[in-house]
Amino acid sequence: MLPRVVRFDLLFVRTDYSNDEAWRNALAAATAVHPSNDFERCGAALQPVESPELSGLTSAQLVGLPREDYLAELAVADAQTMRDQTVLFVDLNELNKQVGRTFRAIPSQVEPIVANFSIANMDFHEFADNADPDGVFRGFAR
């Protein structure tokens, strides 16, 4: 079962347990304070979720997990995250009819994504639709 979210954090679910150091590095990169001209940054509000029972789960399997509370989206640290530190985002919002849709984000974009989700300023599709052809969101074109 996915736990209840504390404050306005986004759950950061670990599904790859092959390398603890890679996990620590990915978590540090995702929550780091990355310099920006957009707004004053303080690091992404992510709530790590570690449970060996989640090992190897796909985004489709994560969508089907029971939850303690309503969740609109998840951040996931999967095998690719452990290799390149991109964070996988999974849409759980049943109202938008795109449950299970995913995109990845580079570490410096995790904080603005999480911040915008937490205040319902932007929807999942706004980031997913602006991901590069490889499915990775690197920021909005300027």
C-alpha atoms as a PDB file:
ATOM      1  CA  MET A   1       0.000   0.000   0.000  1.00  0.00           C
ATOM      2  CA  LEU A   2       1.247   3.465  -0.850  1.00  0.00           C
ATOM      3  CA  PRO A   3       1.408   5.643   2.272  1.00  0.00           C
ATOM      4  CA  ARG A   4      -0.355   8.904   3.041  1.00  0.00           C
ATOM      5  CA  VAL A   5       1.481  11.995   1.850  1.00  0.00           C
ATOM      6  CA  VAL A   6       2.961  14.259   4.507  1.00  0.00           C
ATOM      7  CA  ARG A   7       2.358  18.013   3.987  1.00  0.00           C
ATOM      8  CA  PHE A   8       2.374  18.810   0.277  1.00  0.00           C
ATOM      9  CA  ASP A   9       5.146  16.401  -0.619  1.00  0.00           C
ATOM     10  CA  LEU A  10       5.003  14.040  -3.564  1.00  0.00           C
ATOM     11  CA  LEU A  11       5.745  10.375  -2.959  1.00  0.00           C
ATOM     12  CA  PHE A  12       9.086   9.305  -4.461  1.00  0.00           C
ATOM     13  CA  VAL A  13       8.711   5.553  -4.817  1.00  0.00           C
ATOM     14  CA  ARG A  14      11.833   3.442  -5.141  1.00  0.00           C
ATOM     15  CA  THR A  15      11.307   0.420  -7.405  1.00  0.00           C
ATOM     16  CA  ASP A  16      14.955  -0.471  -8.074  1.00  0.00           C
ATOM     17  CA  TYR A  17      17.024  -1.952  -5.265  1.00  0.00           C
ATOM     18  CA  SER A  18      20.118  -2.963  -7.211  1.00  0.00           C
ATOM     19  CA  ASN A  19      22.373  -0.157  -5.975  1.00  0.00           C
ATOM     20  CA  ASP A  20      21.911   1.745  -2.716  1.00  0.00           C
ATOM     21  CA  GLU A  21      24.552   4.332  -3.624  1.00  0.00           C
ATOM     22  CA  ALA A  22      22.786   5.094  -6.924  1.00  0.00           C
ATOM     23  CA  TRP A  23      19.525   5.530  -4.961  1.00  0.00           C
ATOM     24  CA  ARG A  24      21.157   7.967  -2.525  1.00  0.00           C
ATOM     25  CA  ASN A  25      22.663   9.906  -5.438  1.00  0.00           C
ATOM     26  CA  ALA A  26      19.346  10.014  -7.333  1.00  0.00           C
ATOM     27  CA  LEU A  27      17.486  11.179  -4.216  1.00  0.00           C
ATOM     28  CA  ALA A  28      20.118  13.856  -3.535  1.00  0.00           C
ATOM     29  CA  ALA A  29      19.968  15.083  -7.158  1.00  0.00           C
ATOM     30  CA  ALA A  30      16.159  15.186  -7.200  1.00  0.00           C
ATOM     31  CA  THR A  31      15.924  17.141  -3.936  1.00  0.00           C
ATOM     32  CA  ALA A  32      18.957  19.395  -4.448  1.00  0.00           C
ATOM     33  CA  VAL A  33      18.587  23.153  -4.731  1.00  0.00           C
ATOM     34  CA  HIS A  34      19.296  23.851  -8.390  1.00  0.00           C
ATOM     35  CA  PRO A  35      20.001  27.487  -9.338  1.00  0.00           C
ATOM     36  CA  SER A  36      17.321  29.183 -11.401  1.00  0.00           C
ATOM     37  CA  ASN A  37      16.202  32.592 -12.574  1.00  0.00           C
ATOM     38  CA  ASP A  38      12.517  31.554 -12.364  1.00  0.00           C
ATOM     39  CA  PHE A  39      12.003  31.634  -8.603  1.00  0.00           C
ATOM     40  CA  GLU A  40      13.874  31.106  -5.378  1.00  0.00           C
ATOM     41  CA  ARG A  41      14.385  27.404  -4.990  1.00  0.00           C
ATOM     42  CA  CYS A  42      14.501  25.312  -1.834  1.00  0.00           C
ATOM     43  CA  GLY A  43      14.616  21.745  -3.229  1.00  0.00           C
ATOM     44  CA  ALA A  44      11.851  19.386  -4.286  1.00  0.00           C
ATOM     45  CA  ALA A  45       9.459  18.274  -1.555  1.00  0.00           C
ATOM     46  CA  LEU A  46       9.702  14.528  -2.118  1.00  0.00           C
ATOM     47  CA  GLN A  47       8.707  11.883   0.410  1.00  0.00           C
ATOM     48  CA  PRO A  48      10.873   8.782  -0.188  1.00  0.00           C
ATOM     49  CA  VAL A  49       9.042   5.467  -0.111  1.00  0.00           C
ATOM     50  CA  GLU A  50      11.236   2.403   0.255  1.00  0.00           C
ATOM     51  CA  SER A  51       9.790  -1.073   0.457  1.00  0.00           C
ATOM     52  CA  PRO A  52      11.338  -4.183  -1.103  1.00  0.00           C
ATOM     53  CA  GLU A  53       7.822  -5.288  -2.066  1.00  0.00           C
ATOM     54  CA  LEU A  54       7.859  -2.469  -4.653  1.00  0.00           C
ATOM     55  CA  SER A  55      10.982  -3.832  -6.351  1.00  0.00           C
ATOM     56  CA  GLY A  56      10.629  -4.099 -10.104  1.00  0.00           C
ATOM     57  CA  LEU A  57       7.102  -2.722 -10.292  1.00  0.00           C
ATOM     58  CA  THR A  58       6.223  -0.973 -13.550  1.00  0.00           C
ATOM     59  CA  SER A  59       4.273   2.258 -13.781  1.00  0.00           C
ATOM     60  CA  ALA A  60       1.180   0.251 -14.753  1.00  0.00           C
ATOM     61  CA  GLN A  61       1.563  -1.876 -11.619  1.00  0.00           C
ATOM     62  CA  LEU A  62       2.102   1.198  -9.434  1.00  0.00           C
ATOM     63  CA  VAL A  63      -1.161   2.685 -10.734  1.00  0.00           C
ATOM     64  CA  GLY A  64      -3.010  -0.352  -9.417  1.00  0.00           C
ATOM     65  CA  LEU A  65      -1.561  -0.329  -5.901  1.00  0.00           C
ATOM     66  CA  PRO A  66      -3.903   0.442  -3.027  1.00  0.00           C
ATOM     67  CA  ARG A  67      -3.355   3.822  -1.386  1.00  0.00           C
ATOM     68  CA  GLU A  68      -3.961   5.199   2.077  1.00  0.00           C
ATOM     69  CA  ASP A  69      -5.171   8.467   0.585  1.00  0.00           C
ATOM     70  CA  TYR A  70      -5.882  10.152  -2.735  1.00  0.00           C
ATOM     71  CA  LEU A  71      -2.827  10.601  -4.960  1.00  0.00           C
ATOM     72  CA  ALA A  72      -2.869  12.489  -8.275  1.00  0.00           C
ATOM     73  CA  GLU A  73       0.680  11.621  -9.316  1.00  0.00           C
ATOM     74  CA  LEU A  74       3.802   9.759  -8.235  1.00  0.00           C
ATOM     75  CA  ALA A  75       7.515  10.292  -8.665  1.00  0.00           C
ATOM     76  CA  VAL A  76       9.387   7.029  -9.202  1.00  0.00           C
ATOM     77  CA  ALA A  77      13.006   5.965  -8.931  1.00  0.00           C
ATOM     78  CA  ASP A  78      13.293   2.992 -11.266  1.00  0.00           C
ATOM     79  CA  ALA A  79      16.268   1.279 -12.923  1.00  0.00           C
ATOM     80  CA  GLN A  80      16.685   4.126 -15.409  1.00  0.00           C
ATOM     81  CA  THR A  81      16.697   6.655 -12.550  1.00  0.00           C
ATOM     82  CA  MET A  82      19.566   4.742 -10.994  1.00  0.00           C
ATOM     83  CA  ARG A  83      21.506   5.014 -14.275  1.00  0.00           C
ATOM     84  CA  ASP A  84      20.837   8.623 -15.330  1.00  0.00           C
ATOM     85  CA  GLN A  85      19.042  10.293 -12.364  1.00  0.00           C
ATOM     86  CA  THR A  86      15.943  11.166 -14.417  1.00  0.00           C
ATOM     87  CA  VAL A  87      12.820  10.890 -12.285  1.00  0.00           C
ATOM     88  CA  LEU A  88       9.792   9.064 -13.694  1.00  0.00           C
ATOM     89  CA  PHE A  89       6.450  10.786 -13.085  1.00  0.00           C
ATOM     90  CA  VAL A  90       3.243   8.738 -13.264  1.00  0.00           C
ATOM     91  CA  ASP A  91      -0.244  10.228 -13.627  1.00  0.00           C
ATOM     92  CA  LEU A  92      -2.805   8.779 -11.194  1.00  0.00           C
ATOM     93  CA  ASN A  93      -5.500  11.430 -11.646  1.00  0.00           C
ATOM     94  CA  GLU A  94      -8.635   9.622 -12.774  1.00  0.00           C
ATOM     95  CA  LEU A  95     -10.372  12.889 -13.684  1.00  0.00           C
ATOM     96  CA  ASN A  96      -8.096  13.633 -16.634  1.00  0.00           C
ATOM     97  CA  LYS A  97      -8.608  10.247 -18.333  1.00  0.00           C
ATOM     98  CA  GLN A  98      -4.849   9.659 -18.724  1.00  0.00           C
ATOM     99  CA  VAL A  99      -4.104   7.439 -15.747  1.00  0.00           C
ATOM    100  CA  GLY A 100      -0.780   5.715 -16.227  1.00  0.00           C
ATOM    101  CA  ARG A 101       0.697   8.348 -18.531  1.00  0.00           C
ATOM    102  CA  THR A 102       4.364   8.968 -17.782  1.00  0.00           C
ATOM    103  CA  PHE A 103       7.253  11.288 -18.489  1.00  0.00           C
ATOM    104  CA  ARG A 104      10.732  11.686 -17.059  1.00  0.00           C
ATOM    105  CA  ALA A 105      12.433  14.831 -15.781  1.00  0.00           C
ATOM    106  CA  ILE A 106      16.021  15.839 -15.273  1.00  0.00           C
ATOM    107  CA  PRO A 107      16.880  16.579 -11.614  1.00  0.00           C
ATOM    108  CA  SER A 108      16.852  20.380 -12.013  1.00  0.00           C
ATOM    109  CA  GLN A 109      13.225  20.274 -13.196  1.00  0.00           C
ATOM    110  CA  VAL A 110      11.877  18.056 -10.401  1.00  0.00           C
ATOM    111  CA  GLU A 111      11.351  20.911  -7.936  1.00  0.00           C
ATOM    112  CA  PRO A 112       9.248  23.116 -10.263  1.00  0.00           C
ATOM    113  CA  ILE A 113       7.173  20.090 -11.283  1.00  0.00           C
ATOM    114  CA  VAL A 114       6.509  19.049  -7.680  1.00  0.00           C
ATOM    115  CA  ALA A 115       5.817  22.640  -6.625  1.00  0.00           C
ATOM    116  CA  ASN A 116       3.304  23.163  -9.423  1.00  0.00           C
ATOM    117  CA  PHE A 117       1.587  19.850  -8.693  1.00  0.00           C
ATOM    118  CA  SER A 118       1.346  20.651  -4.972  1.00  0.00           C
ATOM    119  CA  ILE A 119      -0.546  23.894  -5.537  1.00  0.00           C
ATOM    120  CA  ALA A 120      -2.502  22.609  -8.563  1.00  0.00           C
ATOM    121  CA  ASN A 121      -0.991  25.389 -10.651  1.00  0.00           C
ATOM    122  CA  MET A 122      -0.219  23.099 -13.597  1.00  0.00           C
ATOM    123  CA  ASP A 123      -1.515  19.734 -14.689  1.00  0.00           C
ATOM    124  CA  PHE A 124       0.403  16.577 -15.488  1.00  0.00           C
ATOM    125  CA  HIS A 125      -0.197  16.908 -19.219  1.00  0.00           C
ATOM    126  CA  GLU A 126       1.440  20.348 -19.329  1.00  0.00           C
ATOM    127  CA  PHE A 127       4.769  18.795 -18.414  1.00  0.00           C
ATOM    128  CA  ALA A 128       4.246  15.533 -20.313  1.00  0.00           C
ATOM    129  CA  ASP A 129       3.227  17.393 -23.475  1.00  0.00           C
ATOM    130  CA  ASN A 130       6.424  19.462 -23.272  1.00  0.00           C
ATOM    131  CA  ALA A 131       8.803  16.544 -22.813  1.00  0.00           C
ATOM    132  CA  ASP A 132      11.410  16.073 -25.511  1.00  0.00           C
ATOM    133  CA  PRO A 133      10.932  13.280 -28.074  1.00  0.00           C
ATOM    134  CA  ASP A 134      12.826  10.911 -25.748  1.00  0.00           C
ATOM    135  CA  GLY A 135      10.134  11.460 -23.084  1.00  0.00           C
ATOM    136  CA  VAL A 136      12.317  13.591 -20.786  1.00  0.00           C
ATOM    137  CA  PHE A 137      11.158  16.997 -19.578  1.00  0.00           C
ATOM    138  CA  ARG A 138      14.091  19.413 -19.552  1.00  0.00           C
ATOM    139  CA  GLY A 139      12.140  22.619 -19.020  1.00  0.00           C
ATOM    140  CA  PHE A 140       9.855  24.791 -21.091  1.00  0.00           C
ATOM    141  CA  ALA A 141      11.288  26.201 -24.310  1.00  0.00           C
ATOM    142  CA  ARG A 142      12.152  29.847 -23.990  1.00  0.00           C
END
